PDB file of N, CA and C in Angstrom:
ATOM      1  N   MET A   1      27.485   1.430 -44.828  1.00  0.00           N
ATOM      2  CA  MET A   1      28.167   1.097 -43.602  1.00  0.00           C
ATOM      3  C   MET A   1      27.182   0.500 -42.598  1.00  0.00           C
ATOM      4  N   HIS A   2      27.672  -0.387 -41.791  1.00  0.00           N
ATOM      5  CA  HIS A   2      26.868  -1.026 -40.756  1.00  0.00           C
ATOM      6  C   HIS A   2      26.685  -0.075 -39.579  1.00  0.00           C
ATOM      7  N   ASP A   3      25.468   0.020 -39.069  1.00  0.00           N
ATOM      8  CA  ASP A   3      25.185   0.854 -37.903  1.00  0.00           C
ATOM      9  C   ASP A   3      24.713  -0.039 -36.759  1.00  0.00           C
ATOM     10  N   PRO A   4      25.559  -0.246 -35.740  1.00  0.00           N
ATOM     11  CA  PRO A   4      25.187  -1.126 -34.631  1.00  0.00           C
ATOM     12  C   PRO A   4      24.186  -0.508 -33.665  1.00  0.00           C
ATOM     13  N   THR A   5      23.738   0.715 -33.946  1.00  0.00           N
ATOM     14  CA  THR A   5      22.797   1.382 -33.037  1.00  0.00           C
ATOM     15  C   THR A   5      21.359   1.344 -33.538  1.00  0.00           C
ATOM     16  N   THR A   6      21.120   0.707 -34.669  1.00  0.00           N
ATOM     17  CA  THR A   6      19.748   0.612 -35.177  1.00  0.00           C
ATOM     18  C   THR A   6      19.247  -0.818 -35.012  1.00  0.00           C
ATOM     19  N   ALA A   7      18.073  -0.953 -34.425  1.00  0.00           N
ATOM     20  CA  ALA A   7      17.491  -2.279 -34.196  1.00  0.00           C
ATOM     21  C   ALA A   7      16.734  -2.731 -35.441  1.00  0.00           C
ATOM     22  N   ASN A   8      17.095  -3.894 -35.943  1.00  0.00           N
ATOM     23  CA  ASN A   8      16.387  -4.512 -37.075  1.00  0.00           C
ATOM     24  C   ASN A   8      16.309  -3.607 -38.298  1.00  0.00           C
ATOM     25  N   ALA A   9      17.370  -2.875 -38.558  1.00  0.00           N
ATOM     26  CA  ALA A   9      17.403  -2.010 -39.739  1.00  0.00           C
ATOM     27  C   ALA A   9      18.839  -1.619 -40.051  1.00  0.00           C
ATOM     28  N   GLN A  10      19.111  -1.456 -41.335  1.00  0.00           N
ATOM     29  CA  GLN A  10      20.361  -0.889 -41.811  1.00  0.00           C
ATOM     30  C   GLN A  10      19.988   0.030 -42.957  1.00  0.00           C
ATOM     31  N   GLY A  11      20.168   1.320 -42.756  1.00  0.00           N
ATOM     32  CA  GLY A  11      19.754   2.287 -43.763  1.00  0.00           C
ATOM     33  C   GLY A  11      18.257   2.161 -43.994  1.00  0.00           C
ATOM     34  N   PRO A  12      17.841   2.119 -45.281  1.00  0.00           N
ATOM     35  CA  PRO A  12      16.411   2.031 -45.570  1.00  0.00           C
ATOM     36  C   PRO A  12      15.849   0.615 -45.436  1.00  0.00           C
ATOM     37  N   ASP A  13      16.717  -0.361 -45.219  1.00  0.00           N
ATOM     38  CA  ASP A  13      16.286  -1.758 -45.139  1.00  0.00           C
ATOM     39  C   ASP A  13      15.853  -2.089 -43.714  1.00  0.00           C
ATOM     40  N   VAL A  14      14.642  -2.638 -43.582  1.00  0.00           N
ATOM     41  CA  VAL A  14      14.075  -2.908 -42.264  1.00  0.00           C
ATOM     42  C   VAL A  14      13.629  -4.362 -42.175  1.00  0.00           C
ATOM     43  N   GLY A  15      13.865  -4.977 -41.045  1.00  0.00           N
ATOM     44  CA  GLY A  15      13.461  -6.357 -40.793  1.00  0.00           C
ATOM     45  C   GLY A  15      14.534  -7.052 -39.985  1.00  0.00           C
ATOM     46  N   THR A  16      14.175  -8.173 -39.375  1.00  0.00           N
ATOM     47  CA  THR A  16      15.141  -8.872 -38.522  1.00  0.00           C
ATOM     48  C   THR A  16      16.359  -9.360 -39.294  1.00  0.00           C
ATOM     49  N   GLN A  17      16.218  -9.547 -40.608  1.00  0.00           N
ATOM     50  CA  GLN A  17      17.374  -9.983 -41.396  1.00  0.00           C
ATOM     51  C   GLN A  17      18.438  -8.886 -41.487  1.00  0.00           C
ATOM     52  N   TYR A  18      18.107  -7.658 -41.080  1.00  0.00           N
ATOM     53  CA  TYR A  18      19.053  -6.545 -41.108  1.00  0.00           C
ATOM     54  C   TYR A  18      19.539  -6.170 -39.713  1.00  0.00           C
ATOM     55  N   ARG A  19      19.251  -7.009 -38.725  1.00  0.00           N
ATOM     56  CA  ARG A  19      19.668  -6.693 -37.360  1.00  0.00           C
ATOM     57  C   ARG A  19      21.184  -6.780 -37.236  1.00  0.00           C
ATOM     58  N   SER A  20      21.690  -6.121 -36.238  1.00  0.00           N
ATOM     59  CA  SER A  20      23.102  -6.176 -35.912  1.00  0.00           C
ATOM     60  C   SER A  20      23.286  -7.328 -34.933  1.00  0.00           C
ATOM     61  N   ALA A  21      24.138  -8.290 -35.276  1.00  0.00           N
ATOM     62  CA  ALA A  21      24.296  -9.462 -34.411  1.00  0.00           C
ATOM     63  C   ALA A  21      25.708 -10.010 -34.476  1.00  0.00           C
ATOM     64  N   ILE A  22      26.131 -10.570 -33.364  1.00  0.00           N
ATOM     65  CA  ILE A  22      27.370 -11.339 -33.280  1.00  0.00           C
ATOM     66  C   ILE A  22      26.957 -12.735 -32.835  1.00  0.00           C
ATOM     67  N   PHE A  23      27.362 -13.739 -33.596  1.00  0.00           N
ATOM     68  CA  PHE A  23      27.019 -15.126 -33.287  1.00  0.00           C
ATOM     69  C   PHE A  23      28.249 -15.819 -32.709  1.00  0.00           C
ATOM     70  N   TYR A  24      28.075 -16.475 -31.584  1.00  0.00           N
ATOM     71  CA  TYR A  24      29.208 -17.131 -30.931  1.00  0.00           C
ATOM     72  C   TYR A  24      29.003 -18.645 -30.852  1.00  0.00           C
ATOM     73  N   HIS A  25      30.138 -19.361 -30.755  1.00  0.00           N
ATOM     74  CA  HIS A  25      30.130 -20.824 -30.659  1.00  0.00           C
ATOM     75  C   HIS A  25      30.577 -21.324 -29.286  1.00  0.00           C
ATOM     76  N   SER A  26      31.142 -20.449 -28.477  1.00  0.00           N
ATOM     77  CA  SER A  26      31.647 -20.882 -27.169  1.00  0.00           C
ATOM     78  C   SER A  26      31.468 -19.754 -26.154  1.00  0.00           C
ATOM     79  N   ASP A  27      31.581 -20.106 -24.891  1.00  0.00           N
ATOM     80  CA  ASP A  27      31.499 -19.101 -23.830  1.00  0.00           C
ATOM     81  C   ASP A  27      32.621 -18.077 -23.971  1.00  0.00           C
ATOM     82  N   GLU A  28      33.785 -18.540 -24.416  1.00  0.00           N
ATOM     83  CA  GLU A  28      34.908 -17.619 -24.610  1.00  0.00           C
ATOM     84  C   GLU A  28      34.575 -16.586 -25.693  1.00  0.00           C
ATOM     85  N   GLN A  29      34.008 -17.035 -26.814  1.00  0.00           N
ATOM     86  CA  GLN A  29      33.626 -16.102 -27.876  1.00  0.00           C
ATOM     87  C   GLN A  29      32.563 -15.125 -27.382  1.00  0.00           C
ATOM     88  N   LYS A  30      31.619 -15.613 -26.604  1.00  0.00           N
ATOM     89  CA  LYS A  30      30.575 -14.742 -26.057  1.00  0.00           C
ATOM     90  C   LYS A  30      31.200 -13.668 -25.174  1.00  0.00           C
ATOM     91  N   SER A  31      32.106 -14.078 -24.321  1.00  0.00           N
ATOM     92  CA  SER A  31      32.771 -13.144 -23.419  1.00  0.00           C
ATOM     93  C   SER A  31      33.551 -12.085 -24.194  1.00  0.00           C
ATOM     94  N   ILE A  32      34.260 -12.510 -25.225  1.00  0.00           N
ATOM     95  CA  ILE A  32      35.018 -11.571 -26.062  1.00  0.00           C
ATOM     96  C   ILE A  32      34.070 -10.590 -26.743  1.00  0.00           C
ATOM     97  N   ALA A  33      32.980 -11.096 -27.302  1.00  0.00           N
ATOM     98  CA  ALA A  33      32.007 -10.235 -27.984  1.00  0.00           C
ATOM     99  C   ALA A  33      31.426  -9.204 -27.017  1.00  0.00           C
ATOM    100  N   GLU A  34      31.100  -9.628 -25.811  1.00  0.00           N
ATOM    101  CA  GLU A  34      30.544  -8.702 -24.817  1.00  0.00           C
ATOM    102  C   GLU A  34      31.572  -7.640 -24.425  1.00  0.00           C
ATOM    103  N   ARG A  35      32.814  -8.070 -24.232  1.00  0.00           N
ATOM    104  CA  ARG A  35      33.874  -7.131 -23.840  1.00  0.00           C
ATOM    105  C   ARG A  35      34.138  -6.112 -24.947  1.00  0.00           C
ATOM    106  N   VAL A  36      34.291  -6.588 -26.177  1.00  0.00           N
ATOM    107  CA  VAL A  36      34.584  -5.688 -27.293  1.00  0.00           C
ATOM    108  C   VAL A  36      33.413  -4.736 -27.541  1.00  0.00           C
ATOM    109  N   THR A  37      32.197  -5.243 -27.471  1.00  0.00           N
ATOM    110  CA  THR A  37      31.025  -4.383 -27.656  1.00  0.00           C
ATOM    111  C   THR A  37      31.008  -3.281 -26.602  1.00  0.00           C
ATOM    112  N   SER A  38      31.314  -3.634 -25.377  1.00  0.00           N
ATOM    113  CA  SER A  38      31.357  -2.648 -24.298  1.00  0.00           C
ATOM    114  C   SER A  38      32.443  -1.603 -24.548  1.00  0.00           C
ATOM    115  N   GLU A  39      33.611  -2.052 -24.990  1.00  0.00           N
ATOM    116  CA  GLU A  39      34.709  -1.128 -25.285  1.00  0.00           C
ATOM    117  C   GLU A  39      34.351  -0.184 -26.430  1.00  0.00           C
ATOM    118  N   VAL A  40      33.743  -0.721 -27.476  1.00  0.00           N
ATOM    119  CA  VAL A  40      33.346   0.103 -28.621  1.00  0.00           C
ATOM    120  C   VAL A  40      32.255   1.085 -28.203  1.00  0.00           C
ATOM    121  N   GLN A  41      31.327   0.631 -27.381  1.00  0.00           N
ATOM    122  CA  GLN A  41      30.271   1.517 -26.871  1.00  0.00           C
ATOM    123  C   GLN A  41      30.898   2.723 -26.177  1.00  0.00           C
ATOM    124  N   GLU A  42      31.820   2.460 -25.284  1.00  0.00           N
ATOM    125  CA  GLU A  42      32.443   3.527 -24.497  1.00  0.00           C
ATOM    126  C   GLU A  42      33.298   4.458 -25.356  1.00  0.00           C
ATOM    127  N   LYS A  43      34.017   3.897 -26.301  1.00  0.00           N
ATOM    128  CA  LYS A  43      34.971   4.686 -27.087  1.00  0.00           C
ATOM    129  C   LYS A  43      34.334   5.425 -28.260  1.00  0.00           C
ATOM    130  N   HIS A  44      33.375   4.793 -28.935  1.00  0.00           N
ATOM    131  CA  HIS A  44      32.888   5.348 -30.200  1.00  0.00           C
ATOM    132  C   HIS A  44      31.413   5.735 -30.228  1.00  0.00           C
ATOM    133  N   TYR A  45      30.616   5.271 -29.285  1.00  0.00           N
ATOM    134  CA  TYR A  45      29.169   5.486 -29.377  1.00  0.00           C
ATOM    135  C   TYR A  45      28.572   6.095 -28.117  1.00  0.00           C
ATOM    136  N   LYS A  46      29.272   6.992 -27.479  1.00  0.00           N
ATOM    137  CA  LYS A  46      28.709   7.677 -26.311  1.00  0.00           C
ATOM    138  C   LYS A  46      27.461   8.426 -26.762  1.00  0.00           C
ATOM    139  N   GLY A  47      26.380   8.260 -26.044  1.00  0.00           N
ATOM    140  CA  GLY A  47      25.141   8.940 -26.389  1.00  0.00           C
ATOM    141  C   GLY A  47      24.243   8.169 -27.340  1.00  0.00           C
ATOM    142  N   ARG A  48      24.753   7.088 -27.923  1.00  0.00           N
ATOM    143  CA  ARG A  48      23.938   6.226 -28.798  1.00  0.00           C
ATOM    144  C   ARG A  48      24.205   4.791 -28.384  1.00  0.00           C
ATOM    145  N   LYS A  49      23.176   4.068 -27.990  1.00  0.00           N
ATOM    146  CA  LYS A  49      23.346   2.706 -27.474  1.00  0.00           C
ATOM    147  C   LYS A  49      23.543   1.692 -28.592  1.00  0.00           C
ATOM    148  N   ILE A  50      24.569   0.879 -28.471  1.00  0.00           N
ATOM    149  CA  ILE A  50      24.773  -0.244 -29.388  1.00  0.00           C
ATOM    150  C   ILE A  50      23.717  -1.296 -29.069  1.00  0.00           C
ATOM    151  N   VAL A  51      22.990  -1.734 -30.080  1.00  0.00           N
ATOM    152  CA  VAL A  51      21.917  -2.715 -29.892  1.00  0.00           C
ATOM    153  C   VAL A  51      22.262  -4.065 -30.521  1.00  0.00           C
ATOM    154  N   THR A  52      23.520  -4.255 -30.866  1.00  0.00           N
ATOM    155  CA  THR A  52      23.963  -5.516 -31.455  1.00  0.00           C
ATOM    156  C   THR A  52      23.610  -6.674 -30.531  1.00  0.00           C
ATOM    157  N   GLU A  53      22.929  -7.672 -31.083  1.00  0.00           N
ATOM    158  CA  GLU A  53      22.586  -8.868 -30.315  1.00  0.00           C
ATOM    159  C   GLU A  53      23.804  -9.787 -30.262  1.00  0.00           C
ATOM    160  N   ILE A  54      24.041 -10.400 -29.125  1.00  0.00           N
ATOM    161  CA  ILE A  54      25.099 -11.401 -28.978  1.00  0.00           C
ATOM    162  C   ILE A  54      24.378 -12.700 -28.666  1.00  0.00           C
ATOM    163  N   VAL A  55      24.341 -13.585 -29.656  1.00  0.00           N
ATOM    164  CA  VAL A  55      23.492 -14.773 -29.571  1.00  0.00           C
ATOM    165  C   VAL A  55      24.246 -16.032 -30.000  1.00  0.00           C
ATOM    166  N   PRO A  56      23.831 -17.188 -29.479  1.00  0.00           N
ATOM    167  CA  PRO A  56      24.476 -18.439 -29.876  1.00  0.00           C
ATOM    168  C   PRO A  56      24.294 -18.686 -31.376  1.00  0.00           C
ATOM    169  N   ALA A  57      25.348 -19.177 -31.994  1.00  0.00           N
ATOM    170  CA  ALA A  57      25.257 -19.546 -33.410  1.00  0.00           C
ATOM    171  C   ALA A  57      24.447 -20.832 -33.505  1.00  0.00           C
ATOM    172  N   GLY A  58      23.453 -20.820 -34.319  1.00  0.00           N
ATOM    173  CA  GLY A  58      22.649 -22.017 -34.543  1.00  0.00           C
ATOM    174  C   GLY A  58      23.154 -22.744 -35.778  1.00  0.00           C
ATOM    175  N   LYS A  59      22.288 -23.485 -36.385  1.00  0.00           N
ATOM    176  CA  LYS A  59      22.627 -24.191 -37.618  1.00  0.00           C
ATOM    177  C   LYS A  59      22.968 -23.162 -38.683  1.00  0.00           C
ATOM    178  N   PHE A  60      24.037 -23.391 -39.402  1.00  0.00           N
ATOM    179  CA  PHE A  60      24.502 -22.456 -40.418  1.00  0.00           C
ATOM    180  C   PHE A  60      24.384 -23.099 -41.788  1.00  0.00           C
ATOM    181  N   TYR A  61      23.889 -22.344 -42.724  1.00  0.00           N
ATOM    182  CA  TYR A  61      23.753 -22.828 -44.100  1.00  0.00           C
ATOM    183  C   TYR A  61      24.532 -21.909 -45.026  1.00  0.00           C
ATOM    184  N   ASP A  62      25.353 -22.487 -45.885  1.00  0.00           N
ATOM    185  CA  ASP A  62      26.034 -21.683 -46.897  1.00  0.00           C
ATOM    186  C   ASP A  62      25.008 -21.132 -47.870  1.00  0.00           C
ATOM    187  N   ALA A  63      25.257 -19.919 -48.331  1.00  0.00           N
ATOM    188  CA  ALA A  63      24.388 -19.338 -49.360  1.00  0.00           C
ATOM    189  C   ALA A  63      24.630 -20.073 -50.679  1.00  0.00           C
ATOM    190  N   GLU A  64      23.687 -19.921 -51.586  1.00  0.00           N
ATOM    191  CA  GLU A  64      23.825 -20.538 -52.901  1.00  0.00           C
ATOM    192  C   GLU A  64      25.096 -20.020 -53.573  1.00  0.00           C
ATOM    193  N   THR A  65      25.641 -20.802 -54.495  1.00  0.00           N
ATOM    194  CA  THR A  65      26.892 -20.470 -55.166  1.00  0.00           C
ATOM    195  C   THR A  65      26.855 -19.077 -55.778  1.00  0.00           C
ATOM    196  N   TYR A  66      25.740 -18.697 -56.383  1.00  0.00           N
ATOM    197  CA  TYR A  66      25.698 -17.394 -57.053  1.00  0.00           C
ATOM    198  C   TYR A  66      25.789 -16.224 -56.070  1.00  0.00           C
ATOM    199  N   HIS A  67      25.608 -16.481 -54.779  1.00  0.00           N
ATOM    200  CA  HIS A  67      25.770 -15.430 -53.779  1.00  0.00           C
ATOM    201  C   HIS A  67      27.214 -15.349 -53.268  1.00  0.00           C
ATOM    202  N   GLN A  68      28.006 -16.381 -53.485  1.00  0.00           N
ATOM    203  CA  GLN A  68      29.374 -16.410 -52.983  1.00  0.00           C
ATOM    204  C   GLN A  68      30.239 -15.408 -53.748  1.00  0.00           C
ATOM    205  N   GLU A  69      31.125 -14.719 -53.027  1.00  0.00           N
ATOM    206  CA  GLU A  69      32.047 -13.742 -53.617  1.00  0.00           C
ATOM    207  C   GLU A  69      31.302 -12.714 -54.459  1.00  0.00           C
ATOM    208  N   TYR A  70      30.162 -12.265 -53.953  1.00  0.00           N
ATOM    209  CA  TYR A  70      29.278 -11.370 -54.707  1.00  0.00           C
ATOM    210  C   TYR A  70      29.996 -10.109 -55.172  1.00  0.00           C
ATOM    211  N   LEU A  71      30.745  -9.465 -54.281  1.00  0.00           N
ATOM    212  CA  LEU A  71      31.398  -8.216 -54.659  1.00  0.00           C
ATOM    213  C   LEU A  71      32.489  -8.428 -55.696  1.00  0.00           C
ATOM    214  N   ASP A  72      33.152  -9.574 -55.673  1.00  0.00           N
ATOM    215  CA  ASP A  72      34.141  -9.875 -56.712  1.00  0.00           C
ATOM    216  C   ASP A  72      33.460 -10.062 -58.059  1.00  0.00           C
ATOM    217  N   LYS A  73      32.326 -10.716 -58.058  1.00  0.00           N
ATOM    218  CA  LYS A  73      31.602 -10.997 -59.303  1.00  0.00           C
ATOM    219  C   LYS A  73      30.812  -9.788 -59.801  1.00  0.00           C
ATOM    220  N   ASN A  74      30.509  -8.856 -58.917  1.00  0.00           N
ATOM    221  CA  ASN A  74      29.697  -7.678 -59.251  1.00  0.00           C
ATOM    222  C   ASN A  74      30.392  -6.416 -58.731  1.00  0.00           C
ATOM    223  N   PRO A  75      31.516  -6.044 -59.330  1.00  0.00           N
ATOM    224  CA  PRO A  75      32.285  -4.916 -58.793  1.00  0.00           C
ATOM    225  C   PRO A  75      31.529  -3.591 -58.787  1.00  0.00           C
ATOM    226  N   ASN A  76      30.499  -3.463 -59.589  1.00  0.00           N
ATOM    227  CA  ASN A  76      29.697  -2.238 -59.589  1.00  0.00           C
ATOM    228  C   ASN A  76      28.427  -2.399 -58.761  1.00  0.00           C
ATOM    229  N   GLY A  77      28.351  -3.493 -58.019  1.00  0.00           N
ATOM    230  CA  GLY A  77      27.175  -3.760 -57.183  1.00  0.00           C
ATOM    231  C   GLY A  77      27.257  -2.978 -55.895  1.00  0.00           C
ATOM    232  N   TYR A  78      26.859  -3.607 -54.819  1.00  0.00           N
ATOM    233  CA  TYR A  78      26.854  -2.934 -53.525  1.00  0.00           C
ATOM    234  C   TYR A  78      28.232  -2.390 -53.190  1.00  0.00           C
ATOM    235  N   GLU A  79      28.231  -1.295 -52.473  1.00  0.00           N
ATOM    236  CA  GLU A  79      29.477  -0.682 -52.053  1.00  0.00           C
ATOM    237  C   GLU A  79      29.885  -1.260 -50.706  1.00  0.00           C
ATOM    238  N   CYS A  80      31.124  -1.638 -50.593  1.00  0.00           N
ATOM    239  CA  CYS A  80      31.622  -2.179 -49.328  1.00  0.00           C
ATOM    240  C   CYS A  80      33.012  -1.601 -49.087  1.00  0.00           C
ATOM    241  N   PRO A  81      33.140  -0.603 -48.201  1.00  0.00           N
ATOM    242  CA  PRO A  81      34.419   0.067 -48.011  1.00  0.00           C
ATOM    243  C   PRO A  81      35.505  -0.817 -47.415  1.00  0.00           C
ATOM    244  N   THR A  82      35.152  -1.959 -46.851  1.00  0.00           N
ATOM    245  CA  THR A  82      36.168  -2.827 -46.255  1.00  0.00           C
ATOM    246  C   THR A  82      36.487  -4.027 -47.137  1.00  0.00           C
ATOM    247  N   HIS A  83      35.980  -4.028 -48.372  1.00  0.00           N
ATOM    248  CA  HIS A  83      36.197  -5.183 -49.247  1.00  0.00           C
ATOM    249  C   HIS A  83      37.505  -5.023 -50.014  1.00  0.00           C
ATOM    250  N   PHE A  84      38.574  -5.489 -49.409  1.00  0.00           N
ATOM    251  CA  PHE A  84      39.852  -5.522 -50.086  1.00  0.00           C
ATOM    252  C   PHE A  84      40.686  -6.621 -49.453  1.00  0.00           C
ATOM    253  N   LEU A  85      41.659  -7.091 -50.200  1.00  0.00           N
ATOM    254  CA  LEU A  85      42.503  -8.171 -49.691  1.00  0.00           C
ATOM    255  C   LEU A  85      43.458  -7.631 -48.639  1.00  0.00           C
ATOM    256  N   ARG A  86      43.667  -8.418 -47.594  1.00  0.00           N
ATOM    257  CA  ARG A  86      44.595  -8.024 -46.532  1.00  0.00           C
ATOM    258  C   ARG A  86      45.586  -9.157 -46.320  1.00  0.00           C
ATOM    259  N   TRP A  87      46.818  -8.898 -46.600  1.00  0.00           N
ATOM    260  CA  TRP A  87      47.886  -9.838 -46.265  1.00  0.00           C
ATOM    261  C   TRP A  87      49.202  -9.149 -46.292  1.00  0.00           C
TER     262      TRP A  87
END
């Protein structure tokens, strides 16, 4: 599970690639991210500060094909409790 209260780490994995971040493309998205983060802080993380960075989205690169749909291709791989179809 993702922990928005740990800086540059998720579980045993450490480094900036494991930071908690929300990337935005517009001022409206930034405002929404700030508002929702504040609401989640107040409702779910009293006593533990959310350290999620809210930063402009820069150049984006798709991962290599073999990384796409990883959990579908590797059902016994990483565990992801939210990986299911929703419709």
